[in-house]
C-alpha cells in the first residue's frame, strides 16, 4: 500500500514491492500514465540480486538507504524517521521501495497505480516481523541474500491472496565408496646356517707281512731266484671329500588379488507429509486429505532419480503400478488427477 509524505510544495508517495521486478513493472506503468521518469526512484537490496538497470532513477547514496530517505524527507520529523526504518528493513529483507515526487495530483494518481500494481502494506508487514522478534531496524544487520529473501517470500502469503507455500522435502539415500587401508603383507628372506650330519663308508688298504715256517727242498725255480730282490706294496686309504651344491626347492610368490562383495546398507530417510484437517462444513467432501496425500505422492516420485526427466504420459503406467503396489485396493482413477498435479508441479520447477 503506497503512503504519501508532504514536504514544502511537493508531495512524495512511497510504495514497497516484493522485489525489484515488481517495482520496475510499477515504474513502467507510472511512466505510461505520463509521470516523468525523473520523478521516479527505486531503492533495492543489491545483495539479493534485486537491483538491476532501470529507466527510472535508481539511486545509491552515501549512508545507504537511510541517507537516501533523509534526502527525501525532513530529518527532524520523528514519524518520518520511524517509517524510514521500516522501509529500510523491507529493503534489507529483499523488497524494493519505489517513490514518486511531484504535485499532490501527480502523487495521488501514482498512489492508485502503485496499489493496483501490488504495493505492500508496510504496517501489516512490520506487524508480522514483530511476531518473529523484530524490534526495529538495525543498520548493522547484514542484508538478506537472494536465497534468504526467496525463502521468506515463500513462507509468507502472497500479497492479496489467501495461500502460503509449505515445502515438501524428500530425502534420498546416496551410497558411495571409499578406499580404506586395512593392512599390508611384507615378506622377508634371510640366510640361516644349520649343522648337518651324514655318514659315508671309507675303504682302507694295509700291507700285511706274514712269516710261515716251512721245511722242504728248494726247487730249481727258487734256486734261480736265489738273488737279491724286493717287493713293494702300496697302501690305499679313502678320505671323505665334502662339497655343497645349491638347488631351488620352493618359490614364494608375493602379489594381491581383488574380490568383490555386496553389502546391504540400511539407513533412515525423511520426507514431509502434509495433512489437511478440515474443520466444519459438510462431510460430503472428506477426501481432501486423501487428495493431498496423492499430491505429495506425485511430487515424491517426480523427484525420484528413477523417474527424473520423464514426462507424465511416458511414466503414468509405471506410476499406476507403483501406486497399486503401495496402496492395495486403492482406486487409481480417484487419485490420478492429484498425483498428476504434484508430478507436473515438481517437474516444472
C-alpha atoms as a PDB file:
ATOM      1  CA  UNK A   1       0.000   0.000   0.000  1.00  0.00           C
ATOM      2  CA  UNK A   2       1.514   3.325  -1.081  1.00  0.00           C
ATOM      3  CA  UNK A   3       1.935   6.042   1.566  1.00  0.00           C
ATOM      4  CA  UNK A   4       2.290   9.767   0.970  1.00  0.00           C
ATOM      5  CA  UNK A   5       4.553  12.313   2.690  1.00  0.00           C
ATOM      6  CA  UNK A   6       4.320  16.058   2.037  1.00  0.00           C
ATOM      7  CA  UNK A   7       7.353  18.364   2.040  1.00  0.00           C
ATOM      8  CA  UNK A   8       7.143  22.061   1.157  1.00  0.00           C
ATOM      9  CA  UNK A   9       5.285  22.463  -2.162  1.00  0.00           C
ATOM     10  CA  UNK A  10       5.827  18.886  -3.327  1.00  0.00           C
ATOM     11  CA  UNK A  11       4.496  15.545  -2.204  1.00  0.00           C
ATOM     12  CA  UNK A  12       6.275  12.179  -2.217  1.00  0.00           C
ATOM     13  CA  UNK A  13       4.401   8.877  -2.374  1.00  0.00           C
ATOM     14  CA  UNK A  14       6.276   5.744  -1.211  1.00  0.00           C
ATOM     15  CA  UNK A  15       5.421   2.172  -2.168  1.00  0.00           C
ATOM     16  CA  UNK A  16       7.045  -1.143  -1.189  1.00  0.00           C
ATOM     17  CA  UNK A  17       7.082  -4.104  -3.575  1.00  0.00           C
ATOM     18  CA  UNK A  18       8.052  -7.732  -3.051  1.00  0.00           C
ATOM     19  CA  UNK A  19      11.102  -7.471  -5.298  1.00  0.00           C
ATOM     20  CA  UNK A  20      12.809  -5.259  -7.813  1.00  0.00           C
ATOM     21  CA  UNK A  21      10.932  -6.742 -10.767  1.00  0.00           C
ATOM     22  CA  UNK A  22       7.553  -5.816  -9.246  1.00  0.00           C
ATOM     23  CA  UNK A  23       8.784  -2.273  -8.539  1.00  0.00           C
ATOM     24  CA  UNK A  24      10.112  -1.964 -12.090  1.00  0.00           C
ATOM     25  CA  UNK A  25       6.749  -3.083 -13.500  1.00  0.00           C
ATOM     26  CA  UNK A  26       5.000  -0.466 -11.376  1.00  0.00           C
ATOM     27  CA  UNK A  27       7.519   2.151 -12.565  1.00  0.00           C
ATOM     28  CA  UNK A  28       6.715   1.279 -16.182  1.00  0.00           C
ATOM     29  CA  UNK A  29       3.008   1.771 -15.544  1.00  0.00           C
ATOM     30  CA  UNK A  30       3.715   5.125 -13.890  1.00  0.00           C
ATOM     31  CA  UNK A  31       5.675   6.404 -16.895  1.00  0.00           C
ATOM     32  CA  UNK A  32       2.989   5.138 -19.256  1.00  0.00           C
ATOM     33  CA  UNK A  33       0.474   7.225 -17.287  1.00  0.00           C
ATOM     34  CA  UNK A  34       2.501  10.367 -18.038  1.00  0.00           C
ATOM     35  CA  UNK A  35       4.561  10.729 -14.846  1.00  0.00           C
ATOM     36  CA  UNK A  36       8.118  11.881 -15.722  1.00  0.00           C
ATOM     37  CA  UNK A  37      10.861   9.293 -15.274  1.00  0.00           C
ATOM     38  CA  UNK A  38      12.992  11.711 -13.280  1.00  0.00           C
ATOM     39  CA  UNK A  39      10.240  11.871 -10.630  1.00  0.00           C
ATOM     40  CA  UNK A  40      10.514   8.109 -10.004  1.00  0.00           C
ATOM     41  CA  UNK A  41      13.196   6.418  -7.881  1.00  0.00           C
ATOM     42  CA  UNK A  42      13.733   2.774  -6.873  1.00  0.00           C
ATOM     43  CA  UNK A  43      15.806   1.538  -3.943  1.00  0.00           C
ATOM     44  CA  UNK A  44      16.590  -2.183  -3.548  1.00  0.00           C
ATOM     45  CA  UNK A  45      18.957  -4.593  -1.885  1.00  0.00           C
ATOM     46  CA  UNK A  46      21.829  -5.230  -4.309  1.00  0.00           C
ATOM     47  CA  UNK A  47      22.972  -8.343  -2.400  1.00  0.00           C
ATOM     48  CA  UNK A  48      19.709 -10.174  -3.103  1.00  0.00           C
ATOM     49  CA  UNK A  49      20.211  -9.720  -6.818  1.00  0.00           C
ATOM     50  CA  UNK A  50      17.203  -7.408  -6.804  1.00  0.00           C
ATOM     51  CA  UNK A  51      18.907  -4.345  -8.238  1.00  0.00           C
ATOM     52  CA  UNK A  52      19.135  -4.003 -11.980  1.00  0.00           C
ATOM     53  CA  UNK A  53      19.236  -1.455 -14.733  1.00  0.00           C
ATOM     54  CA  UNK A  54      16.187   0.729 -14.770  1.00  0.00           C
ATOM     55  CA  UNK A  55      14.903   3.573 -16.830  1.00  0.00           C
ATOM     56  CA  UNK A  56      13.697   5.011 -13.554  1.00  0.00           C
ATOM     57  CA  UNK A  57      16.132   6.850 -11.369  1.00  0.00           C
ATOM     58  CA  UNK A  58      17.542   4.096  -9.169  1.00  0.00           C
ATOM     59  CA  UNK A  59      19.992   5.965  -6.929  1.00  0.00           C
ATOM     60  CA  UNK A  60      22.569   4.967  -4.339  1.00  0.00           C
ATOM     61  CA  UNK A  61      23.586   7.441  -1.653  1.00  0.00           C
ATOM     62  CA  UNK A  62      26.444   7.556   0.777  1.00  0.00           C
ATOM     63  CA  UNK A  63      24.889   6.425   4.028  1.00  0.00           C
ATOM     64  CA  UNK A  64      22.818   3.744   2.309  1.00  0.00           C
ATOM     65  CA  UNK A  65      19.052   3.634   2.308  1.00  0.00           C
ATOM     66  CA  UNK A  66      18.630   5.870   5.350  1.00  0.00           C
ATOM     67  CA  UNK A  67      20.820   8.540   3.758  1.00  0.00           C
ATOM     68  CA  UNK A  68      18.600   8.434   0.695  1.00  0.00           C
ATOM     69  CA  UNK A  69      15.489   8.542   2.888  1.00  0.00           C
ATOM     70  CA  UNK A  70      16.715  11.624   4.774  1.00  0.00           C
ATOM     71  CA  UNK A  71      17.432  13.302   1.453  1.00  0.00           C
ATOM     72  CA  UNK A  72      13.728  12.966   0.632  1.00  0.00           C
ATOM     73  CA  UNK A  73      12.193  13.932   3.966  1.00  0.00           C
ATOM     74  CA  UNK A  74      12.839  16.209   6.911  1.00  0.00           C
ATOM     75  CA  UNK A  75      15.384  14.621   9.300  1.00  0.00           C
ATOM     76  CA  UNK A  76      13.694  16.339  12.260  1.00  0.00           C
ATOM     77  CA  UNK A  77      10.369  14.597  11.680  1.00  0.00           C
ATOM     78  CA  UNK A  78      10.302  11.711  14.199  1.00  0.00           C
ATOM     79  CA  UNK A  79       7.382   9.964  12.458  1.00  0.00           C
ATOM     80  CA  UNK A  80       9.201  10.122   9.141  1.00  0.00           C
ATOM     81  CA  UNK A  81      12.381   8.672  10.695  1.00  0.00           C
ATOM     82  CA  UNK A  82      10.386   5.804  12.207  1.00  0.00           C
ATOM     83  CA  UNK A  83       8.798   4.974   8.875  1.00  0.00           C
ATOM     84  CA  UNK A  84      12.230   5.166   7.231  1.00  0.00           C
ATOM     85  CA  UNK A  85      13.489   2.384   9.492  1.00  0.00           C
ATOM     86  CA  UNK A  86      10.573   0.156   8.487  1.00  0.00           C
ATOM     87  CA  UNK A  87      11.194   0.808   4.798  1.00  0.00           C
ATOM     88  CA  UNK A  88      14.928   0.186   5.290  1.00  0.00           C
ATOM     89  CA  UNK A  89      14.105  -3.146   6.949  1.00  0.00           C
ATOM     90  CA  UNK A  90      11.903  -4.066   3.994  1.00  0.00           C
ATOM     91  CA  UNK A  91      14.789  -3.360   1.618  1.00  0.00           C
ATOM     92  CA  UNK A  92      17.154  -5.369   3.852  1.00  0.00           C
ATOM     93  CA  UNK A  93      14.809  -8.344   3.566  1.00  0.00           C
ATOM     94  CA  UNK A  94      14.772  -8.219  -0.246  1.00  0.00           C
ATOM     95  CA  UNK A  95      11.898  -5.861  -1.074  1.00  0.00           C
ATOM     96  CA  UNK A  96      12.164  -2.759  -3.261  1.00  0.00           C
ATOM     97  CA  UNK A  97      10.997   0.782  -2.416  1.00  0.00           C
ATOM     98  CA  UNK A  98       9.565   2.981  -5.202  1.00  0.00           C
ATOM     99  CA  UNK A  99       8.936   6.714  -4.733  1.00  0.00           C
ATOM    100  CA  UNK A 100       7.271   9.375  -6.868  1.00  0.00           C
ATOM    101  CA  UNK A 101       7.732  13.061  -6.088  1.00  0.00           C
ATOM    102  CA  UNK A 102       5.532  15.758  -7.598  1.00  0.00           C
ATOM    103  CA  UNK A 103       2.341  17.665  -7.151  1.00  0.00           C
ATOM    104  CA  UNK A 104      -0.441  16.301  -4.990  1.00  0.00           C
ATOM    105  CA  UNK A 105      -2.445  15.433  -8.091  1.00  0.00           C
ATOM    106  CA  UNK A 106       0.529  13.516  -9.513  1.00  0.00           C
ATOM    107  CA  UNK A 107       1.229  11.591  -6.312  1.00  0.00           C
ATOM    108  CA  UNK A 108      -2.437  10.704  -5.791  1.00  0.00           C
ATOM    109  CA  UNK A 109      -2.526   9.236  -9.282  1.00  0.00           C
ATOM    110  CA  UNK A 110       0.780   7.461  -8.592  1.00  0.00           C
ATOM    111  CA  UNK A 111      -0.575   6.005  -5.343  1.00  0.00           C
ATOM    112  CA  UNK A 112      -3.551   4.485  -7.166  1.00  0.00           C
ATOM    113  CA  UNK A 113      -1.256   2.972  -9.796  1.00  0.00           C
ATOM    114  CA  UNK A 114       1.136   1.576  -7.141  1.00  0.00           C
ATOM    115  CA  UNK A 115      -1.693  -0.032  -5.186  1.00  0.00           C
ATOM    116  CA  UNK A 116      -3.107  -1.627  -8.323  1.00  0.00           C
ATOM    117  CA  UNK A 117       0.410  -2.880  -9.190  1.00  0.00           C
ATOM    118  CA  UNK A 118       0.674  -4.782  -5.891  1.00  0.00           C
ATOM    119  CA  UNK A 119       2.237  -2.363  -3.365  1.00  0.00           C
ATOM    120  CA  UNK A 120       2.684  -3.945   0.097  1.00  0.00           C
ATOM    121  CA  UNK A 121       1.042  -2.687   3.293  1.00  0.00           C
ATOM    122  CA  UNK A 122       4.180  -1.903   5.299  1.00  0.00           C
ATOM    123  CA  UNK A 123       2.326  -1.706   8.617  1.00  0.00           C
ATOM    124  CA  UNK A 124       0.959  -5.240   8.203  1.00  0.00           C
ATOM    125  CA  UNK A 125       4.387  -6.458   7.154  1.00  0.00           C
ATOM    126  CA  UNK A 126       6.051  -4.881  10.226  1.00  0.00           C
ATOM    127  CA  UNK A 127       3.420  -6.466  12.487  1.00  0.00           C
ATOM    128  CA  UNK A 128       4.330  -9.861  11.053  1.00  0.00           C
ATOM    129  CA  UNK A 129       8.022  -9.208  11.637  1.00  0.00           C
ATOM    130  CA  UNK A 130       7.363  -8.270  15.255  1.00  0.00           C
ATOM    131  CA  UNK A 131       5.704 -11.647  15.809  1.00  0.00           C
ATOM    132  CA  UNK A 132       9.058 -13.193  14.837  1.00  0.00           C
ATOM    133  CA  UNK A 133      11.037 -10.990  17.226  1.00  0.00           C
ATOM    134  CA  UNK A 134      11.682  -7.878  15.138  1.00  0.00           C
ATOM    135  CA  UNK A 135      12.153  -4.813  17.390  1.00  0.00           C
ATOM    136  CA  UNK A 136      13.385  -2.195  14.954  1.00  0.00           C
ATOM    137  CA  UNK A 137      15.719  -1.563  12.068  1.00  0.00           C
ATOM    138  CA  UNK A 138      19.395  -2.195  12.841  1.00  0.00           C
ATOM    139  CA  UNK A 139      21.771  -0.776  10.209  1.00  0.00           C
ATOM    140  CA  UNK A 140      24.499  -3.162  11.384  1.00  0.00           C
ATOM    141  CA  UNK A 141      22.470  -6.260  10.472  1.00  0.00           C
ATOM    142  CA  UNK A 142      23.571  -7.902   7.219  1.00  0.00           C
ATOM    143  CA  UNK A 143      21.063  -7.734   4.333  1.00  0.00           C
ATOM    144  CA  UNK A 144      19.355 -10.897   3.151  1.00  0.00           C
ATOM    145  CA  UNK A 145      20.949 -12.925   0.400  1.00  0.00           C
ATOM    146  CA  UNK A 146      18.939 -13.806  -2.696  1.00  0.00           C
ATOM    147  CA  UNK A 147      18.205 -17.263  -1.233  1.00  0.00           C
ATOM    148  CA  UNK A 148      17.126 -15.892   2.166  1.00  0.00           C
ATOM    149  CA  UNK A 149      14.816 -13.351   0.564  1.00  0.00           C
ATOM    150  CA  UNK A 150      13.246 -16.102  -1.555  1.00  0.00           C
ATOM    151  CA  UNK A 151      12.666 -18.320   1.493  1.00  0.00           C
ATOM    152  CA  UNK A 152      10.916 -15.507   3.369  1.00  0.00           C
ATOM    153  CA  UNK A 153       8.666 -14.782   0.393  1.00  0.00           C
ATOM    154  CA  UNK A 154       7.752 -18.458   0.100  1.00  0.00           C
ATOM    155  CA  UNK A 155       6.791 -18.637   3.774  1.00  0.00           C
ATOM    156  CA  UNK A 156       4.663 -15.504   3.537  1.00  0.00           C
ATOM    157  CA  UNK A 157       1.221 -15.398   1.896  1.00  0.00           C
ATOM    158  CA  UNK A 158       1.445 -13.580  -1.418  1.00  0.00           C
ATOM    159  CA  UNK A 159       0.075 -10.041  -1.463  1.00  0.00           C
ATOM    160  CA  UNK A 160      -3.701 -10.108  -1.899  1.00  0.00           C
ATOM    161  CA  UNK A 161      -4.025 -13.890  -1.683  1.00  0.00           C
ATOM    162  CA  UNK A 162      -5.028 -16.420   0.955  1.00  0.00           C
ATOM    163  CA  UNK A 163      -2.349 -19.006   0.174  1.00  0.00           C
ATOM    164  CA  UNK A 164       1.056 -19.892   1.576  1.00  0.00           C
ATOM    165  CA  UNK A 165       3.711 -22.323   0.476  1.00  0.00           C
ATOM    166  CA  UNK A 166       4.788 -25.348   2.518  1.00  0.00           C
ATOM    167  CA  UNK A 167       7.901 -27.010   1.105  1.00  0.00           C
ATOM    168  CA  UNK A 168       7.573 -30.776   0.777  1.00  0.00           C
ATOM    169  CA  UNK A 169      11.010 -32.286   1.344  1.00  0.00           C
ATOM    170  CA  UNK A 170      12.124 -35.803   0.433  1.00  0.00           C
ATOM    171  CA  UNK A 171      15.460 -37.312   1.451  1.00  0.00           C
ATOM    172  CA  UNK A 172      17.131 -39.944  -0.696  1.00  0.00           C
ATOM    173  CA  UNK A 173      19.848 -42.356   0.335  1.00  0.00           C
ATOM    174  CA  UNK A 174      23.113 -41.773  -1.518  1.00  0.00           C
ATOM    175  CA  UNK A 175      25.670 -44.580  -1.228  1.00  0.00           C
ATOM    176  CA  UNK A 176      29.256 -44.063  -2.284  1.00  0.00           C
ATOM    177  CA  UNK A 177      32.516 -45.957  -1.806  1.00  0.00           C
ATOM    178  CA  UNK A 178      35.857 -45.084  -0.305  1.00  0.00           C
ATOM    179  CA  UNK A 179      39.129 -46.992  -0.124  1.00  0.00           C
ATOM    180  CA  UNK A 180      40.284 -47.820   3.413  1.00  0.00           C
ATOM    181  CA  UNK A 181      43.732 -49.301   4.195  1.00  0.00           C
ATOM    182  CA  UNK A 182      43.146 -52.461   6.195  1.00  0.00           C
ATOM    183  CA  UNK A 183      46.775 -53.697   6.495  1.00  0.00           C
ATOM    184  CA  UNK A 184      49.708 -55.000   4.444  1.00  0.00           C
ATOM    185  CA  UNK A 185      51.827 -58.138   3.937  1.00  0.00           C
ATOM    186  CA  UNK A 186      55.641 -57.911   3.895  1.00  0.00           C
ATOM    187  CA  UNK A 187      57.839 -60.921   3.017  1.00  0.00           C
ATOM    188  CA  UNK A 188      61.490 -61.144   4.178  1.00  0.00           C
ATOM    189  CA  UNK A 189      64.186 -63.692   3.215  1.00  0.00           C
ATOM    190  CA  UNK A 190      67.444 -64.339   5.185  1.00  0.00           C
ATOM    191  CA  UNK A 191      70.279 -66.916   5.210  1.00  0.00           C
ATOM    192  CA  UNK A 192      70.221 -69.440   8.061  1.00  0.00           C
ATOM    193  CA  UNK A 193      73.104 -71.808   8.911  1.00  0.00           C
ATOM    194  CA  UNK A 194      72.143 -75.255  10.091  1.00  0.00           C
ATOM    195  CA  UNK A 195      74.534 -78.097  11.156  1.00  0.00           C
ATOM    196  CA  UNK A 196      74.117 -81.265   9.073  1.00  0.00           C
ATOM    197  CA  UNK A 197      75.485 -84.747   9.891  1.00  0.00           C
ATOM    198  CA  UNK A 198      75.692 -87.654   7.460  1.00  0.00           C
ATOM    199  CA  UNK A 199      77.629 -90.962   7.109  1.00  0.00           C
ATOM    200  CA  UNK A 200      79.942 -92.204   4.351  1.00  0.00           C
ATOM    201  CA  UNK A 201      81.729 -95.584   4.058  1.00  0.00           C
ATOM    202  CA  UNK A 202      85.539 -95.330   3.511  1.00  0.00           C
ATOM    203  CA  UNK A 203      87.901 -98.117   2.405  1.00  0.00           C
ATOM    204  CA  UNK A 204      91.489 -98.506   3.629  1.00  0.00           C
ATOM    205  CA  UNK A 205      94.251-100.836   2.331  1.00  0.00           C
ATOM    206  CA  UNK A 206      97.009-102.011   4.739  1.00  0.00           C
ATOM    207  CA  UNK A 207     100.188-104.041   3.876  1.00  0.00           C
ATOM    208  CA  UNK A 208     100.318-107.313   5.631  1.00  0.00           C
ATOM    209  CA  UNK A 209     103.575-109.327   6.097  1.00  0.00           C
ATOM    210  CA  UNK A 210     103.247-112.872   7.280  1.00  0.00           C
ATOM    211  CA  UNK A 211     106.048-115.325   8.059  1.00  0.00           C
ATOM    212  CA  UNK A 212     105.234-119.029   7.836  1.00  0.00           C
ATOM    213  CA  UNK A 213     107.742-121.680   8.893  1.00  0.00           C
ATOM    214  CA  UNK A 214     108.316-124.439   6.200  1.00  0.00           C
ATOM    215  CA  UNK A 215     110.790-127.357   5.707  1.00  0.00           C
ATOM    216  CA  UNK A 216     111.030-128.599   2.112  1.00  0.00           C
ATOM    217  CA  UNK A 217     113.661-128.962  -0.617  1.00  0.00           C
ATOM    218  CA  UNK A 218     114.485-125.915  -2.762  1.00  0.00           C
ATOM    219  CA  UNK A 219     113.132-126.042  -6.241  1.00  0.00           C
ATOM    220  CA  UNK A 220     115.077-125.086  -9.325  1.00  0.00           C
ATOM    221  CA  UNK A 221     112.891-122.016  -9.727  1.00  0.00           C
ATOM    222  CA  UNK A 222     113.663-120.965  -6.284  1.00  0.00           C
ATOM    223  CA  UNK A 223     117.364-121.649  -6.883  1.00  0.00           C
ATOM    224  CA  UNK A 224     117.131-119.453 -10.000  1.00  0.00           C
ATOM    225  CA  UNK A 225     115.579-116.735  -7.969  1.00  0.00           C
ATOM    226  CA  UNK A 226     118.116-117.039  -5.262  1.00  0.00           C
ATOM    227  CA  UNK A 227     119.320-113.478  -5.512  1.00  0.00           C
ATOM    228  CA  UNK A 228     118.576-110.016  -4.003  1.00  0.00           C
ATOM    229  CA  UNK A 229     115.011-108.869  -4.621  1.00  0.00           C
ATOM    230  CA  UNK A 230     112.395-106.595  -3.129  1.00  0.00           C
ATOM    231  CA  UNK A 231     108.587-106.457  -3.220  1.00  0.00           C
ATOM    232  CA  UNK A 232     106.700-103.134  -2.642  1.00  0.00           C
ATOM    233  CA  UNK A 233     103.012-102.958  -1.743  1.00  0.00           C
ATOM    234  CA  UNK A 234     101.163 -99.609  -1.821  1.00  0.00           C
ATOM    235  CA  UNK A 235      98.590 -98.996   0.885  1.00  0.00           C
ATOM    236  CA  UNK A 236      95.454 -97.028  -0.268  1.00  0.00           C
ATOM    237  CA  UNK A 237      93.143 -95.134   2.076  1.00  0.00           C
ATOM    238  CA  UNK A 238      89.843 -93.360   1.153  1.00  0.00           C
ATOM    239  CA  UNK A 239      89.207 -89.998   2.759  1.00  0.00           C
ATOM    240  CA  UNK A 240      85.855 -88.110   2.773  1.00  0.00           C
ATOM    241  CA  UNK A 241      85.600 -85.193   0.360  1.00  0.00           C
ATOM    242  CA  UNK A 242      82.872 -82.646   1.284  1.00  0.00           C
ATOM    243  CA  UNK A 243      81.247 -80.452  -1.344  1.00  0.00           C
ATOM    244  CA  UNK A 244      77.991 -78.427  -1.479  1.00  0.00           C
ATOM    245  CA  UNK A 245      75.530 -77.648  -4.252  1.00  0.00           C
ATOM    246  CA  UNK A 246      72.504 -75.327  -4.149  1.00  0.00           C
ATOM    247  CA  UNK A 247      69.065 -76.171  -5.510  1.00  0.00           C
ATOM    248  CA  UNK A 248      65.819 -74.184  -5.516  1.00  0.00           C
ATOM    249  CA  UNK A 249      63.305 -76.217  -3.530  1.00  0.00           C
ATOM    250  CA  UNK A 250      60.415 -73.675  -3.205  1.00  0.00           C
ATOM    251  CA  UNK A 251      59.229 -70.323  -4.572  1.00  0.00           C
ATOM    252  CA  UNK A 252      57.304 -67.675  -2.597  1.00  0.00           C
ATOM    253  CA  UNK A 253      55.127 -65.548  -4.918  1.00  0.00           C
ATOM    254  CA  UNK A 254      54.039 -62.176  -3.478  1.00  0.00           C
ATOM    255  CA  UNK A 255      51.049 -60.425  -5.073  1.00  0.00           C
ATOM    256  CA  UNK A 256      47.444 -59.457  -4.392  1.00  0.00           C
ATOM    257  CA  UNK A 257      44.062 -60.360  -5.787  1.00  0.00           C
ATOM    258  CA  UNK A 258      40.856 -58.326  -5.943  1.00  0.00           C
ATOM    259  CA  UNK A 259      37.467 -59.681  -4.987  1.00  0.00           C
ATOM    260  CA  UNK A 260      34.073 -58.005  -4.824  1.00  0.00           C
ATOM    261  CA  UNK A 261      31.271 -58.423  -2.345  1.00  0.00           C
ATOM    262  CA  UNK A 262      27.789 -56.995  -1.961  1.00  0.00           C
ATOM    263  CA  UNK A 263      26.936 -55.317   1.321  1.00  0.00           C
ATOM    264  CA  UNK A 264      23.454 -54.207   2.286  1.00  0.00           C
ATOM    265  CA  UNK A 265      23.334 -50.654   3.628  1.00  0.00           C
ATOM    266  CA  UNK A 266      20.389 -49.556   5.776  1.00  0.00           C
ATOM    267  CA  UNK A 267      19.560 -46.044   6.957  1.00  0.00           C
ATOM    268  CA  UNK A 268      16.592 -43.787   7.587  1.00  0.00           C
ATOM    269  CA  UNK A 269      15.480 -41.029   5.228  1.00  0.00           C
ATOM    270  CA  UNK A 270      12.920 -38.352   5.974  1.00  0.00           C
ATOM    271  CA  UNK A 271      10.182 -36.730   3.929  1.00  0.00           C
ATOM    272  CA  UNK A 272       7.500 -34.170   4.535  1.00  0.00           C
ATOM    273  CA  UNK A 273       3.902 -35.299   4.748  1.00  0.00           C
ATOM    274  CA  UNK A 274       1.170 -32.681   4.582  1.00  0.00           C
ATOM    275  CA  UNK A 275      -2.048 -33.372   6.480  1.00  0.00           C
ATOM    276  CA  UNK A 276      -5.126 -31.244   5.928  1.00  0.00           C
ATOM    277  CA  UNK A 277      -7.668 -31.065   8.763  1.00  0.00           C
ATOM    278  CA  UNK A 278     -10.949 -29.576   7.574  1.00  0.00           C
ATOM    279  CA  UNK A 279     -12.998 -28.079  10.401  1.00  0.00           C
ATOM    280  CA  UNK A 280     -16.730 -27.565   9.951  1.00  0.00           C
ATOM    281  CA  UNK A 281     -18.698 -27.693   6.740  1.00  0.00           C
ATOM    282  CA  UNK A 282     -20.307 -30.653   5.027  1.00  0.00           C
ATOM    283  CA  UNK A 283     -18.875 -34.164   5.275  1.00  0.00           C
ATOM    284  CA  UNK A 284     -19.570 -34.715   1.612  1.00  0.00           C
ATOM    285  CA  UNK A 285     -16.006 -33.643   0.702  1.00  0.00           C
ATOM    286  CA  UNK A 286     -13.933 -35.691   3.150  1.00  0.00           C
ATOM    287  CA  UNK A 287     -11.355 -36.818   0.610  1.00  0.00           C
ATOM    288  CA  UNK A 288      -9.213 -33.625   0.779  1.00  0.00           C
ATOM    289  CA  UNK A 289      -6.598 -35.304   2.959  1.00  0.00           C
ATOM    290  CA  UNK A 290      -6.552 -38.268   0.602  1.00  0.00           C
ATOM    291  CA  UNK A 291      -6.017 -35.920  -2.378  1.00  0.00           C
ATOM    292  CA  UNK A 292      -3.224 -34.109  -0.538  1.00  0.00           C
ATOM    293  CA  UNK A 293      -1.522 -37.433   0.123  1.00  0.00           C
ATOM    294  CA  UNK A 294      -1.796 -38.307  -3.565  1.00  0.00           C
ATOM    295  CA  UNK A 295      -0.452 -34.876  -4.491  1.00  0.00           C
ATOM    296  CA  UNK A 296       2.563 -35.413  -2.200  1.00  0.00           C
ATOM    297  CA  UNK A 297       2.986 -38.904  -3.658  1.00  0.00           C
ATOM    298  CA  UNK A 298       3.205 -37.430  -7.173  1.00  0.00           C
ATOM    299  CA  UNK A 299       5.827 -34.864  -6.096  1.00  0.00           C
ATOM    300  CA  UNK A 300       7.950 -37.504  -4.378  1.00  0.00           C
ATOM    301  CA  UNK A 301       8.011 -39.769  -7.398  1.00  0.00           C
ATOM    302  CA  UNK A 302       8.812 -36.877  -9.748  1.00  0.00           C
ATOM    303  CA  UNK A 303      11.928 -36.185  -7.641  1.00  0.00           C
ATOM    304  CA  UNK A 304      12.911 -39.864  -7.565  1.00  0.00           C
ATOM    305  CA  UNK A 305      16.019 -40.449  -9.744  1.00  0.00           C
ATOM    306  CA  UNK A 306      14.256 -43.404 -11.372  1.00  0.00           C
ATOM    307  CA  UNK A 307      11.636 -41.070 -12.911  1.00  0.00           C
ATOM    308  CA  UNK A 308      13.748 -37.946 -13.418  1.00  0.00           C
ATOM    309  CA  UNK A 309      13.482 -36.173 -16.795  1.00  0.00           C
ATOM    310  CA  UNK A 310      10.414 -38.188 -17.802  1.00  0.00           C
ATOM    311  CA  UNK A 311       7.028 -36.737 -18.731  1.00  0.00           C
ATOM    312  CA  UNK A 312       3.664 -37.805 -17.341  1.00  0.00           C
ATOM    313  CA  UNK A 313       2.471 -39.656 -20.444  1.00  0.00           C
ATOM    314  CA  UNK A 314       5.622 -41.768 -20.502  1.00  0.00           C
ATOM    315  CA  UNK A 315       5.632 -42.589 -16.790  1.00  0.00           C
ATOM    316  CA  UNK A 316       1.910 -42.929 -15.994  1.00  0.00           C
ATOM    317  CA  UNK A 317       1.787 -46.715 -16.425  1.00  0.00           C
ATOM    318  CA  UNK A 318       4.678 -47.287 -14.021  1.00  0.00           C
ATOM    319  CA  UNK A 319       3.268 -44.764 -11.545  1.00  0.00           C
ATOM    320  CA  UNK A 320      -0.076 -46.532 -11.531  1.00  0.00           C
ATOM    321  CA  UNK A 321       1.611 -49.898 -10.935  1.00  0.00           C
ATOM    322  CA  UNK A 322       3.738 -48.449  -8.147  1.00  0.00           C
ATOM    323  CA  UNK A 323       0.699 -46.831  -6.508  1.00  0.00           C
ATOM    324  CA  UNK A 324      -1.294 -50.060  -6.698  1.00  0.00           C
ATOM    325  CA  UNK A 325       1.538 -51.987  -5.020  1.00  0.00           C
ATOM    326  CA  UNK A 326       1.819 -49.389  -2.246  1.00  0.00           C
ATOM    327  CA  UNK A 327      -1.968 -49.000  -1.794  1.00  0.00           C
ATOM    328  CA  UNK A 328      -3.695 -52.347  -2.351  1.00  0.00           C
ATOM    329  CA  UNK A 329      -7.288 -51.740  -3.230  1.00  0.00           C
ATOM    330  CA  UNK A 330      -6.665 -48.050  -3.950  1.00  0.00           C
ATOM    331  CA  UNK A 331      -8.623 -46.500  -6.816  1.00  0.00           C
ATOM    332  CA  UNK A 332      -6.106 -45.022  -9.254  1.00  0.00           C
ATOM    333  CA  UNK A 333      -8.716 -43.055 -11.200  1.00  0.00           C
ATOM    334  CA  UNK A 334      -9.804 -41.372  -7.975  1.00  0.00           C
ATOM    335  CA  UNK A 335      -6.325 -40.033  -7.165  1.00  0.00           C
ATOM    336  CA  UNK A 336      -4.864 -39.763 -10.658  1.00  0.00           C
ATOM    337  CA  UNK A 337      -5.567 -36.023 -11.018  1.00  0.00           C
ATOM    338  CA  UNK A 338      -3.961 -35.198  -7.651  1.00  0.00           C
ATOM    339  CA  UNK A 339      -0.914 -37.361  -8.381  1.00  0.00           C
ATOM    340  CA  UNK A 340      -0.501 -35.751 -11.800  1.00  0.00           C
ATOM    341  CA  UNK A 341      -0.746 -32.266 -10.330  1.00  0.00           C
ATOM    342  CA  UNK A 342       2.026 -32.993  -7.806  1.00  0.00           C
ATOM    343  CA  UNK A 343       4.141 -34.632 -10.541  1.00  0.00           C
ATOM    344  CA  UNK A 344       3.811 -31.764 -13.005  1.00  0.00           C
ATOM    345  CA  UNK A 345       4.428 -29.060 -10.403  1.00  0.00           C
ATOM    346  CA  UNK A 346       7.626 -30.835  -9.295  1.00  0.00           C
ATOM    347  CA  UNK A 347       8.892 -31.391 -12.846  1.00  0.00           C
ATOM    348  CA  UNK A 348       8.142 -27.826 -13.984  1.00  0.00           C
ATOM    349  CA  UNK A 349      10.437 -26.197 -11.388  1.00  0.00           C
END
